[in-house]
C-alpha atoms as a PDB file:
ATOM      1  CA  MET A   1      17.983 -49.421 -20.679  1.00  0.00           C
ATOM      2  CA  LYS A   2      16.691 -46.359 -22.362  1.00  0.00           C
ATOM      3  CA  ARG A   3      17.848 -42.736 -22.847  1.00  0.00           C
ATOM      4  CA  ILE A   4      14.845 -40.618 -23.549  1.00  0.00           C
ATOM      5  CA  ILE A   5      16.104 -37.016 -22.511  1.00  0.00           C
ATOM      6  CA  TYR A   6      15.739 -35.582 -25.942  1.00  0.00           C
ATOM      7  CA  ALA A   7      12.273 -36.894 -26.424  1.00  0.00           C
ATOM      8  CA  ILE A   8      11.337 -35.253 -23.146  1.00  0.00           C
ATOM      9  CA  VAL A   9      12.845 -31.963 -24.242  1.00  0.00           C
ATOM     10  CA  ILE A  10      10.760 -32.093 -27.518  1.00  0.00           C
ATOM     11  CA  LEU A  11       7.626 -33.056 -25.729  1.00  0.00           C
ATOM     12  CA  PHE A  12       7.885 -30.356 -23.049  1.00  0.00           C
ATOM     13  CA  VAL A  13       8.403 -27.722 -25.679  1.00  0.00           C
ATOM     14  CA  VAL A  14       5.477 -28.739 -27.733  1.00  0.00           C
ATOM     15  CA  LEU A  15       3.307 -28.601 -24.533  1.00  0.00           C
ATOM     16  CA  GLY A  16       4.768 -25.144 -23.700  1.00  0.00           C
ATOM     17  CA  VAL A  17       6.926 -26.119 -20.712  1.00  0.00           C
ATOM     18  CA  GLU A  18       9.703 -23.562 -20.166  1.00  0.00           C
ATOM     19  CA  HIS A  19      12.617 -25.662 -18.989  1.00  0.00           C
ATOM     20  CA  ALA A  20      13.454 -29.337 -19.241  1.00  0.00           C
ATOM     21  CA  TYR A  21      17.183 -28.929 -18.928  1.00  0.00           C
ATOM     22  CA  ASP A  22      19.005 -26.421 -16.751  1.00  0.00           C
ATOM     23  CA  SER A  23      20.695 -25.317 -19.945  1.00  0.00           C
ATOM     24  CA  TYR A  24      21.838 -26.470 -23.360  1.00  0.00           C
ATOM     25  CA  SER A  25      24.854 -24.885 -25.130  1.00  0.00           C
ATOM     26  CA  HIS A  26      24.628 -25.083 -28.939  1.00  0.00           C
ATOM     27  CA  LYS A  27      27.578 -23.462 -30.543  1.00  0.00           C
ATOM     28  CA  ARG A  28      28.677 -23.802 -34.154  1.00  0.00           C
ATOM     29  CA  THR A  29      32.384 -23.654 -34.464  1.00  0.00           C
ATOM     30  CA  GLU A  30      34.945 -25.726 -36.218  1.00  0.00           C
ATOM     31  CA  LYS A  31      36.537 -27.792 -33.444  1.00  0.00           C
ATOM     32  CA  ASP A  32      38.743 -30.848 -33.824  1.00  0.00           C
ATOM     33  CA  GLU A  33      35.977 -33.279 -34.769  1.00  0.00           C
ATOM     34  CA  ILE A  34      38.321 -35.213 -37.122  1.00  0.00           C
ATOM     35  CA  GLU A  35      40.738 -35.656 -34.143  1.00  0.00           C
ATOM     36  CA  VAL A  36      37.824 -36.776 -31.974  1.00  0.00           C
ATOM     37  CA  SER A  37      36.659 -39.366 -34.552  1.00  0.00           C
ATOM     38  CA  ALA A  38      40.261 -40.626 -34.935  1.00  0.00           C
ATOM     39  CA  VAL A  39      40.380 -41.307 -31.182  1.00  0.00           C
ATOM     40  CA  VAL A  40      37.235 -43.528 -31.479  1.00  0.00           C
ATOM     41  CA  GLU A  41      38.495 -45.251 -34.668  1.00  0.00           C
ATOM     42  CA  ASN A  42      41.961 -46.052 -33.047  1.00  0.00           C
ATOM     43  CA  VAL A  43      40.319 -47.432 -29.914  1.00  0.00           C
ATOM     44  CA  PHE A  44      37.925 -49.472 -31.841  1.00  0.00           C
ATOM     45  CA  GLU A  45      40.738 -50.893 -34.109  1.00  0.00           C
ATOM     46  CA  ASN A  46      42.782 -51.753 -31.155  1.00  0.00           C
ATOM     47  CA  ALA A  47      39.969 -53.547 -29.384  1.00  0.00           C
ATOM     48  CA  GLY A  48      38.985 -55.455 -32.501  1.00  0.00           C
ATOM     49  CA  ILE A  49      35.769 -53.649 -33.118  1.00  0.00           C
ATOM     50  CA  TYR A  50      35.234 -53.503 -36.864  1.00  0.00           C
ATOM     51  CA  GLU A  51      31.541 -53.216 -37.209  1.00  0.00           C
ATOM     52  CA  SER A  52      29.871 -49.871 -36.281  1.00  0.00           C
ATOM     53  CA  GLU A  53      26.942 -47.670 -36.975  1.00  0.00           C
ATOM     54  CA  CYS A  54      26.949 -43.860 -36.709  1.00  0.00           C
ATOM     55  CA  GLU A  55      23.852 -41.842 -36.228  1.00  0.00           C
ATOM     56  CA  ILE A  56      23.425 -38.091 -36.411  1.00  0.00           C
ATOM     57  CA  ASP A  57      20.261 -36.970 -34.913  1.00  0.00           C
ATOM     58  CA  GLY A  58      18.819 -33.237 -34.706  1.00  0.00           C
ATOM     59  CA  TYR A  59      15.700 -31.431 -33.947  1.00  0.00           C
ATOM     60  CA  PHE A  60      15.232 -27.603 -34.423  1.00  0.00           C
ATOM     61  CA  TYR A  61      12.730 -25.011 -34.220  1.00  0.00           C
ATOM     62  CA  TYR A  62      12.189 -23.544 -37.754  1.00  0.00           C
ATOM     63  CA  GLY A  63       9.517 -20.877 -36.977  1.00  0.00           C
ATOM     64  CA  PRO A  64       5.897 -19.750 -36.627  1.00  0.00           C
ATOM     65  CA  MET A  65       4.797 -19.640 -40.213  1.00  0.00           C
ATOM     66  CA  TYR A  66       2.434 -21.495 -42.526  1.00  0.00           C
ATOM     67  CA  LEU A  67       3.919 -24.146 -44.897  1.00  0.00           C
ATOM     68  CA  SER A  68       2.035 -25.798 -47.602  1.00  0.00           C
ATOM     69  CA  ASP A  69       2.784 -29.211 -48.937  1.00  0.00           C
ATOM     70  CA  ASP A  70       4.828 -27.619 -51.851  1.00  0.00           C
ATOM     71  CA  GLY A  71       6.515 -25.424 -49.323  1.00  0.00           C
ATOM     72  CA  CYS A  72       7.582 -28.319 -47.133  1.00  0.00           C
ATOM     73  CA  HIS A  73       8.777 -30.307 -50.107  1.00  0.00           C
ATOM     74  CA  GLU A  74      10.836 -27.391 -51.460  1.00  0.00           C
ATOM     75  CA  LEU A  75      12.380 -26.734 -48.045  1.00  0.00           C
ATOM     76  CA  LEU A  76      13.343 -30.356 -47.237  1.00  0.00           C
ATOM     77  CA  SER A  77      14.542 -30.807 -50.929  1.00  0.00           C
ATOM     78  CA  ARG A  78      16.800 -27.669 -50.417  1.00  0.00           C
ATOM     79  CA  LEU A  79      18.163 -29.075 -47.115  1.00  0.00           C
ATOM     80  CA  ALA A  80      18.743 -32.587 -48.724  1.00  0.00           C
ATOM     81  CA  GLY A  81      20.785 -30.823 -51.460  1.00  0.00           C
ATOM     82  CA  LEU A  82      22.927 -29.098 -48.999  1.00  0.00           C
ATOM     83  CA  ILE A  83      23.664 -32.385 -47.320  1.00  0.00           C
ATOM     84  CA  GLY A  84      24.426 -33.955 -50.720  1.00  0.00           C
ATOM     85  CA  VAL A  85      21.102 -35.648 -51.808  1.00  0.00           C
ATOM     86  CA  ASN A  86      19.850 -34.228 -55.075  1.00  0.00           C
ATOM     87  CA  SER A  87      17.640 -36.944 -56.516  1.00  0.00           C
ATOM     88  CA  GLU A  88      15.898 -40.253 -56.123  1.00  0.00           C
ATOM     89  CA  TYR A  89      14.430 -39.697 -52.692  1.00  0.00           C
ATOM     90  CA  GLU A  90      10.973 -40.577 -51.303  1.00  0.00           C
ATOM     91  CA  TYR A  91       8.673 -37.795 -50.191  1.00  0.00           C
ATOM     92  CA  ARG A  92       5.306 -37.726 -48.459  1.00  0.00           C
ATOM     93  CA  ARG A  93       3.103 -35.511 -46.262  1.00  0.00           C
ATOM     94  CA  GLU A  94       0.521 -36.842 -43.820  1.00  0.00           C
ATOM     95  CA  ARG A  95      -2.029 -35.385 -41.458  1.00  0.00           C
ATOM     96  CA  THR A  96      -1.381 -36.059 -37.659  1.00  0.00           C
ATOM     97  CA  ASP A  97      -3.273 -35.354 -34.584  1.00  0.00           C
ATOM     98  CA  THR A  98      -1.437 -32.152 -33.999  1.00  0.00           C
ATOM     99  CA  GLY A  99      -0.906 -31.028 -37.581  1.00  0.00           C
ATOM    100  CA  TYR A 100       1.230 -32.556 -40.332  1.00  0.00           C
ATOM    101  CA  ASP A 101       4.453 -34.589 -40.835  1.00  0.00           C
ATOM    102  CA  ALA A 102       6.348 -34.015 -44.118  1.00  0.00           C
ATOM    103  CA  VAL A 103       9.005 -36.674 -44.655  1.00  0.00           C
ATOM    104  CA  LEU A 104      11.834 -36.968 -47.154  1.00  0.00           C
ATOM    105  CA  ILE A 105      13.896 -40.294 -47.045  1.00  0.00           C
ATOM    106  CA  LYS A 106      16.990 -41.120 -48.973  1.00  0.00           C
ATOM    107  CA  ASP A 107      18.165 -44.873 -48.736  1.00  0.00           C
ATOM    108  CA  ALA A 108      21.651 -45.818 -50.042  1.00  0.00           C
ATOM    109  CA  GLU A 109      23.693 -48.900 -49.663  1.00  0.00           C
ATOM    110  CA  TYR A 110      25.460 -47.869 -46.502  1.00  0.00           C
ATOM    111  CA  SER A 111      23.322 -44.931 -45.215  1.00  0.00           C
ATOM    112  CA  ARG A 112      19.792 -43.689 -44.641  1.00  0.00           C
ATOM    113  CA  LEU A 113      18.762 -39.957 -44.355  1.00  0.00           C
ATOM    114  CA  GLU A 114      15.378 -38.956 -42.982  1.00  0.00           C
ATOM    115  CA  LEU A 115      14.359 -35.324 -42.924  1.00  0.00           C
ATOM    116  CA  LYS A 116      10.991 -34.187 -41.392  1.00  0.00           C
ATOM    117  CA  MET A 117       9.202 -30.982 -41.180  1.00  0.00           C
ATOM    118  CA  ILE A 118       6.832 -31.341 -38.207  1.00  0.00           C
ATOM    119  CA  THR A 119       3.874 -28.899 -38.362  1.00  0.00           C
ATOM    120  CA  VAL A 120       2.205 -28.322 -34.929  1.00  0.00           C
ATOM    121  CA  GLU A 121      -1.167 -26.447 -35.101  1.00  0.00           C
ATOM    122  CA  ASN A 122      -2.718 -24.346 -32.336  1.00  0.00           C
ATOM    123  CA  GLU A 123      -5.917 -22.340 -32.189  1.00  0.00           C
ATOM    124  CA  GLU A 124      -4.848 -18.815 -31.589  1.00  0.00           C
ATOM    125  CA  ASN A 125      -8.431 -17.437 -31.639  1.00  0.00           C
ATOM    126  CA  GLU A 126     -11.751 -18.518 -32.749  1.00  0.00           C
ATOM    127  CA  ASN A 127     -11.081 -17.847 -36.419  1.00  0.00           C
ATOM    128  CA  LEU A 128      -7.331 -18.426 -36.579  1.00  0.00           C
ATOM    129  CA  ILE A 129      -5.233 -21.559 -36.500  1.00  0.00           C
ATOM    130  CA  GLY A 130      -1.448 -20.924 -36.020  1.00  0.00           C
ATOM    131  CA  GLN A 131       1.406 -23.189 -36.980  1.00  0.00           C
ATOM    132  CA  HIS A 132       4.864 -23.837 -35.605  1.00  0.00           C
ATOM    133  CA  GLN A 133       7.431 -25.680 -37.697  1.00  0.00           C
ATOM    134  CA  TYR A 134       9.963 -28.136 -36.276  1.00  0.00           C
ATOM    135  CA  LEU A 135      12.750 -29.595 -38.383  1.00  0.00           C
ATOM    136  CA  SER A 136      14.005 -33.131 -37.605  1.00  0.00           C
ATOM    137  CA  VAL A 137      17.202 -34.617 -39.138  1.00  0.00           C
ATOM    138  CA  ASN A 138      18.341 -38.276 -38.819  1.00  0.00           C
ATOM    139  CA  LEU A 139      21.334 -39.805 -40.719  1.00  0.00           C
ATOM    140  CA  LYS A 140      22.531 -43.297 -40.218  1.00  0.00           C
ATOM    141  CA  ILE A 141      25.907 -44.426 -41.582  1.00  0.00           C
ATOM    142  CA  GLN A 142      27.405 -48.004 -41.496  1.00  0.00           C
ATOM    143  CA  ASN A 143      31.088 -48.620 -40.661  1.00  0.00           C
ATOM    144  CA  SER A 144      32.373 -45.064 -41.097  1.00  0.00           C
ATOM    145  CA  VAL A 145      33.088 -43.087 -37.885  1.00  0.00           C
ATOM    146  CA  ASN A 146      34.884 -40.382 -39.786  1.00  0.00           C
ATOM    147  CA  SER A 147      31.901 -39.911 -42.183  1.00  0.00           C
ATOM    148  CA  GLY A 148      29.644 -39.561 -39.114  1.00  0.00           C
ATOM    149  CA  PHE A 149      31.565 -36.616 -37.691  1.00  0.00           C
ATOM    150  CA  TYR A 150      31.979 -35.164 -41.088  1.00  0.00           C
ATOM    151  CA  TYR A 151      28.271 -35.202 -41.753  1.00  0.00           C
ATOM    152  CA  ARG A 152      27.464 -33.911 -38.304  1.00  0.00           C
ATOM    153  CA  LYS A 153      29.195 -30.736 -39.130  1.00  0.00           C
ATOM    154  CA  MET A 154      27.650 -30.590 -42.634  1.00  0.00           C
ATOM    155  CA  ILE A 155      24.162 -31.074 -41.092  1.00  0.00           C
ATOM    156  CA  ALA A 156      24.923 -28.259 -38.485  1.00  0.00           C
ATOM    157  CA  ASP A 157      26.018 -25.852 -41.189  1.00  0.00           C
ATOM    158  CA  SER A 158      23.119 -26.819 -43.555  1.00  0.00           C
ATOM    159  CA  VAL A 159      20.422 -26.454 -40.993  1.00  0.00           C
ATOM    160  CA  GLU A 160      21.910 -23.096 -39.932  1.00  0.00           C
ATOM    161  CA  LYS A 161      21.829 -21.831 -43.511  1.00  0.00           C
ATOM    162  CA  ILE A 162      18.157 -23.050 -43.950  1.00  0.00           C
ATOM    163  CA  ILE A 163      17.097 -21.179 -40.923  1.00  0.00           C
ATOM    164  CA  GLU A 164      18.966 -18.011 -41.898  1.00  0.00           C
ATOM    165  CA  GLU A 165      17.221 -18.113 -45.297  1.00  0.00           C
ATOM    166  CA  SER A 166      13.753 -18.325 -43.669  1.00  0.00           C
ATOM    167  CA  GLU A 167      11.477 -15.399 -44.390  1.00  0.00           C
ATOM    168  CA  VAL A 168      10.859 -15.275 -40.561  1.00  0.00           C
ATOM    169  CA  LYS A 169      13.656 -12.991 -39.029  1.00  0.00           C
ATOM    170  CA  TYR A 170      14.680 -13.110 -35.426  1.00  0.00           C
ATOM    171  CA  GLU A 171      14.483  -9.372 -35.064  1.00  0.00           C
ATOM    172  CA  ASP A 172      10.840  -9.408 -35.993  1.00  0.00           C
ATOM    173  CA  LEU A 173       9.882 -11.998 -33.431  1.00  0.00           C
ATOM    174  CA  GLY A 174      11.989 -11.269 -30.308  1.00  0.00           C
ATOM    175  CA  TYR A 175      12.501 -13.249 -27.249  1.00  0.00           C
ATOM    176  CA  ASP A 176       9.860 -16.006 -27.739  1.00  0.00           C
ATOM    177  CA  TYR A 177      11.620 -17.115 -30.973  1.00  0.00           C
ATOM    178  CA  ASP A 178      14.992 -17.171 -29.239  1.00  0.00           C
ATOM    179  CA  ARG A 179      13.550 -19.176 -26.341  1.00  0.00           C
ATOM    180  CA  ARG A 180      12.092 -21.671 -28.549  1.00  0.00           C
ATOM    181  CA  HIS A 181      15.342 -22.298 -30.321  1.00  0.00           C
ATOM    182  CA  ASN A 182      17.330 -22.506 -26.962  1.00  0.00           C
ATOM    183  CA  LEU A 183      14.946 -25.083 -25.758  1.00  0.00           C
ATOM    184  CA  VAL A 184      14.436 -27.250 -28.880  1.00  0.00           C
ATOM    185  CA  ASP A 185      17.568 -27.109 -30.936  1.00  0.00           C
ATOM    186  CA  THR A 186      19.673 -30.138 -30.441  1.00  0.00           C
ATOM    187  CA  LEU A 187      22.199 -32.038 -32.511  1.00  0.00           C
ATOM    188  CA  SER A 188      23.742 -35.328 -31.358  1.00  0.00           C
ATOM    189  CA  VAL A 189      26.125 -37.849 -32.729  1.00  0.00           C
ATOM    190  CA  GLY A 190      26.057 -41.450 -31.643  1.00  0.00           C
ATOM    191  CA  ILE A 191      28.374 -44.305 -32.556  1.00  0.00           C
ATOM    192  CA  LYS A 192      27.747 -47.879 -31.851  1.00  0.00           C
ATOM    193  CA  GLY A 193      30.592 -50.384 -32.038  1.00  0.00           C
ATOM    194  CA  LYS A 194      29.854 -54.124 -32.165  1.00  0.00           C
ATOM    195  CA  ILE A 195      32.068 -56.992 -30.924  1.00  0.00           C
ATOM    196  CA  TYR A 196      31.123 -60.577 -30.683  1.00  0.00           C
ATOM    197  CA  GLY A 197      31.148 -62.182 -27.197  1.00  0.00           C
ATOM    198  CA  TYR A 198      30.750 -60.590 -23.760  1.00  0.00           C
ATOM    199  CA  MET A 199      33.290 -57.992 -22.945  1.00  0.00           C
ATOM    200  CA  ASN A 200      34.246 -58.234 -19.291  1.00  0.00           C
ATOM    201  CA  LEU A 201      33.892 -55.267 -16.964  1.00  0.00           C
ATOM    202  CA  ASP A 202      37.619 -54.479 -16.875  1.00  0.00           C
ATOM    203  CA  LYS A 203      37.859 -54.303 -20.568  1.00  0.00           C
ATOM    204  CA  GLN A 204      34.789 -52.082 -20.689  1.00  0.00           C
ATOM    205  CA  LYS A 205      36.450 -49.664 -18.331  1.00  0.00           C
ATOM    206  CA  GLU A 206      39.656 -49.770 -20.203  1.00  0.00           C
ATOM    207  CA  ILE A 207      38.009 -48.914 -23.509  1.00  0.00           C
ATOM    208  CA  ALA A 208      35.880 -46.156 -22.037  1.00  0.00           C
ATOM    209  CA  GLY A 209      38.920 -44.722 -20.171  1.00  0.00           C
ATOM    210  CA  GLU A 210      41.011 -44.778 -23.442  1.00  0.00           C
ATOM    211  CA  ILE A 211      38.233 -42.858 -25.339  1.00  0.00           C
ATOM    212  CA  ALA A 212      37.778 -40.383 -22.627  1.00  0.00           C
ATOM    213  CA  ALA A 213      41.493 -39.818 -22.340  1.00  0.00           C
ATOM    214  CA  GLY A 214      41.964 -39.408 -25.988  1.00  0.00           C
ATOM    215  CA  MET A 215      39.315 -36.791 -26.099  1.00  0.00           C
ATOM    216  CA  LYS A 216      40.920 -35.011 -23.091  1.00  0.00           C
ATOM    217  CA  ALA A 217      37.715 -35.571 -21.160  1.00  0.00           C
ATOM    218  CA  GLU A 218      37.180 -35.362 -17.397  1.00  0.00           C
ATOM    219  CA  ILE A 219      34.915 -37.962 -16.082  1.00  0.00           C
ATOM    220  CA  VAL A 220      31.905 -36.327 -14.335  1.00  0.00           C
ATOM    221  CA  PHE A 221      30.502 -39.652 -12.952  1.00  0.00           C
ATOM    222  CA  ASP A 222      30.370 -43.270 -13.905  1.00  0.00           C
ATOM    223  CA  ASN A 223      28.312 -46.283 -13.062  1.00  0.00           C
ATOM    224  CA  VAL A 224      28.321 -50.128 -13.013  1.00  0.00           C
ATOM    225  CA  GLU A 225      25.027 -51.875 -13.536  1.00  0.00           C
ATOM    226  CA  SER A 226      25.050 -55.406 -12.165  1.00  0.00           C
ATOM    227  CA  LYS A 227      22.428 -58.029 -12.323  1.00  0.00           C
ATOM    228  CA  PRO A 228      22.507 -61.589 -10.854  1.00  0.00           C
ATOM    229  CA  GLU A 229      24.362 -64.310 -12.791  1.00  0.00           C
ATOM    230  CA  ASN A 230      22.602 -66.494 -15.195  1.00  0.00           C
ATOM    231  CA  VAL A 231      20.744 -69.395 -13.353  1.00  0.00           C
ATOM    232  CA  ASP A 232      22.565 -72.060 -15.213  1.00  0.00           C
ATOM    233  CA  ASN A 233      25.965 -70.445 -14.523  1.00  0.00           C
ATOM    234  CA  ARG A 234      27.206 -70.681 -18.063  1.00  0.00           C
ATOM    235  CA  ARG A 235      28.785 -67.211 -17.874  1.00  0.00           C
ATOM    236  CA  GLU A 236      29.694 -65.189 -14.784  1.00  0.00           C
ATOM    237  CA  ASN A 237      28.669 -61.517 -14.473  1.00  0.00           C
ATOM    238  CA  THR A 238      27.646 -61.202 -17.993  1.00  0.00           C
ATOM    239  CA  ASP A 239      25.335 -58.457 -16.975  1.00  0.00           C
ATOM    240  CA  ASP A 240      27.944 -56.154 -15.510  1.00  0.00           C
ATOM    241  CA  LEU A 241      27.701 -53.107 -17.738  1.00  0.00           C
ATOM    242  CA  TYR A 242      29.764 -49.872 -17.507  1.00  0.00           C
ATOM    243  CA  SER A 243      28.825 -46.349 -18.359  1.00  0.00           C
ATOM    244  CA  LEU A 244      30.315 -42.919 -17.783  1.00  0.00           C
ATOM    245  CA  TYR A 245      29.506 -39.294 -18.414  1.00  0.00           C
ATOM    246  CA  ALA A 246      32.316 -36.863 -19.136  1.00  0.00           C
ATOM    247  CA  TYR A 247      33.150 -33.295 -20.386  1.00  0.00           C
ATOM    248  CA  THR A 248      35.854 -32.167 -22.790  1.00  0.00           C
ATOM    249  CA  ASP A 249      36.781 -28.823 -24.202  1.00  0.00           C
ATOM    250  CA  GLU A 250      37.419 -30.557 -27.594  1.00  0.00           C
ATOM    251  CA  ILE A 251      33.662 -30.675 -28.325  1.00  0.00           C
ATOM    252  CA  ASN A 252      31.566 -27.354 -28.113  1.00  0.00           C
ATOM    253  CA  ASP A 253      28.067 -28.651 -27.623  1.00  0.00           C
ATOM    254  CA  TYR A 254      27.066 -29.848 -24.091  1.00  0.00           C
ATOM    255  CA  VAL A 255      24.151 -30.431 -21.732  1.00  0.00           C
ATOM    256  CA  SER A 256      24.048 -29.033 -18.102  1.00  0.00           C
ATOM    257  CA  VAL A 257      22.683 -31.376 -15.440  1.00  0.00           C
ATOM    258  CA  GLY A 258      22.824 -29.431 -12.120  1.00  0.00           C
ATOM    259  CA  MET A 259      26.238 -27.695 -11.875  1.00  0.00           C
ATOM    260  CA  ASN A 260      27.896 -30.288 -14.325  1.00  0.00           C
ATOM    261  CA  LYS A 261      28.486 -30.062 -18.049  1.00  0.00           C
ATOM    262  CA  ILE A 262      28.371 -33.329 -20.096  1.00  0.00           C
ATOM    263  CA  ASN A 263      29.223 -33.856 -23.730  1.00  0.00           C
ATOM    264  CA  ILE A 264      30.676 -37.399 -23.779  1.00  0.00           C
ATOM    265  CA  ASN A 265      28.583 -40.335 -22.742  1.00  0.00           C
ATOM    266  CA  ILE A 266      30.119 -43.883 -23.145  1.00  0.00           C
ATOM    267  CA  ALA A 267      27.797 -46.939 -22.224  1.00  0.00           C
ATOM    268  CA  PHE A 268      28.106 -50.605 -22.755  1.00  0.00           C
ATOM    269  CA  SER A 269      25.200 -53.053 -23.617  1.00  0.00           C
ATOM    270  CA  TYR A 270      25.032 -56.839 -24.048  1.00  0.00           C
ATOM    271  CA  ASN A 271      22.764 -58.782 -26.202  1.00  0.00           C
ATOM    272  CA  GLU A 272      22.683 -62.268 -24.784  1.00  0.00           C
ATOM    273  CA  ASP A 273      20.700 -63.817 -27.610  1.00  0.00           C
ATOM    274  CA  ASP A 274      23.294 -62.741 -30.203  1.00  0.00           C
ATOM    275  CA  ASN A 275      26.226 -62.914 -27.695  1.00  0.00           C
ATOM    276  CA  VAL A 276      27.305 -59.444 -28.905  1.00  0.00           C
ATOM    277  CA  THR A 277      28.575 -56.436 -26.702  1.00  0.00           C
ATOM    278  CA  TYR A 278      27.854 -52.971 -27.988  1.00  0.00           C
ATOM    279  CA  VAL A 279      30.023 -49.929 -27.254  1.00  0.00           C
ATOM    280  CA  ASN A 280      27.686 -46.929 -27.341  1.00  0.00           C
ATOM    281  CA  ILE A 281      29.373 -43.504 -27.639  1.00  0.00           C
ATOM    282  CA  GLY A 282      27.279 -40.379 -27.712  1.00  0.00           C
ATOM    283  CA  SER A 283      27.832 -36.661 -27.821  1.00  0.00           C
ATOM    284  CA  PRO A 284      26.510 -34.727 -25.902  1.00  0.00           C
ATOM    285  CA  ILE A 285      24.882 -38.052 -24.739  1.00  0.00           C
ATOM    286  CA  VAL A 286      23.624 -41.352 -26.034  1.00  0.00           C
ATOM    287  CA  ASN A 287      20.169 -40.592 -27.182  1.00  0.00           C
ATOM    288  CA  TYR A 288      18.878 -43.859 -28.389  1.00  0.00           C
ATOM    289  CA  ASP A 289      17.745 -47.129 -26.646  1.00  0.00           C
ATOM    290  CA  TYR A 290      20.412 -49.500 -25.786  1.00  0.00           C
END
């Protein structure tokens, strides 16, 4: 099962399409993210889920300016420093079909940070090539839900600071600049918990319900995906997988689908080869394949 909504948003923006979502609220306030992460940690601990991975993923419009290799390196290095990385990272810049990708990577024992400045070039007239800059942030952390939510806020604050420091000012660019930010800017956090063995459907619903209740979330809709039993009948209903979409005031960011706001997505997946059940939690949604 795949969740590709954010990829679609990014693609549509690059191609110049006005609206992929009905709306996306992107507010930067200090809500109770520690309490939200504590809910997940407590539910995981009670369910015997001790292995987890947290991923923070963001994509932002930086502006319509020219950036050289040195300029990209300096900007990504500055952002890395705000996040806490000051040395011993890998940097490269490569030509692409649409422009350039500048990439800064920092690998650590339990984490991996990847920052990108994506340059999209367009021919504005016969003698002028324009550039638009898009900033991508991806941080993966092993076995630390609290660190994930902590760094989510740090990344949000750091990116906001970088954009504010840009030489391109909103008041000089007007509506188009604001529109691009509204369409492009996204920041999500995803948590994947791992438990050995197949988790039956009732247990899946119980865990999802506990997480939603702990976050004071109202379920917008849920779903059970069922497939036929294994032909050898070794396990019954091992393909029954539960997912829900919910909204809570405890988290500020949300996506709007139709008339509904969504900022919590909980979905279960099962790897039969490894005999492992995954609990996937995303805010505003799970935006990776599972």
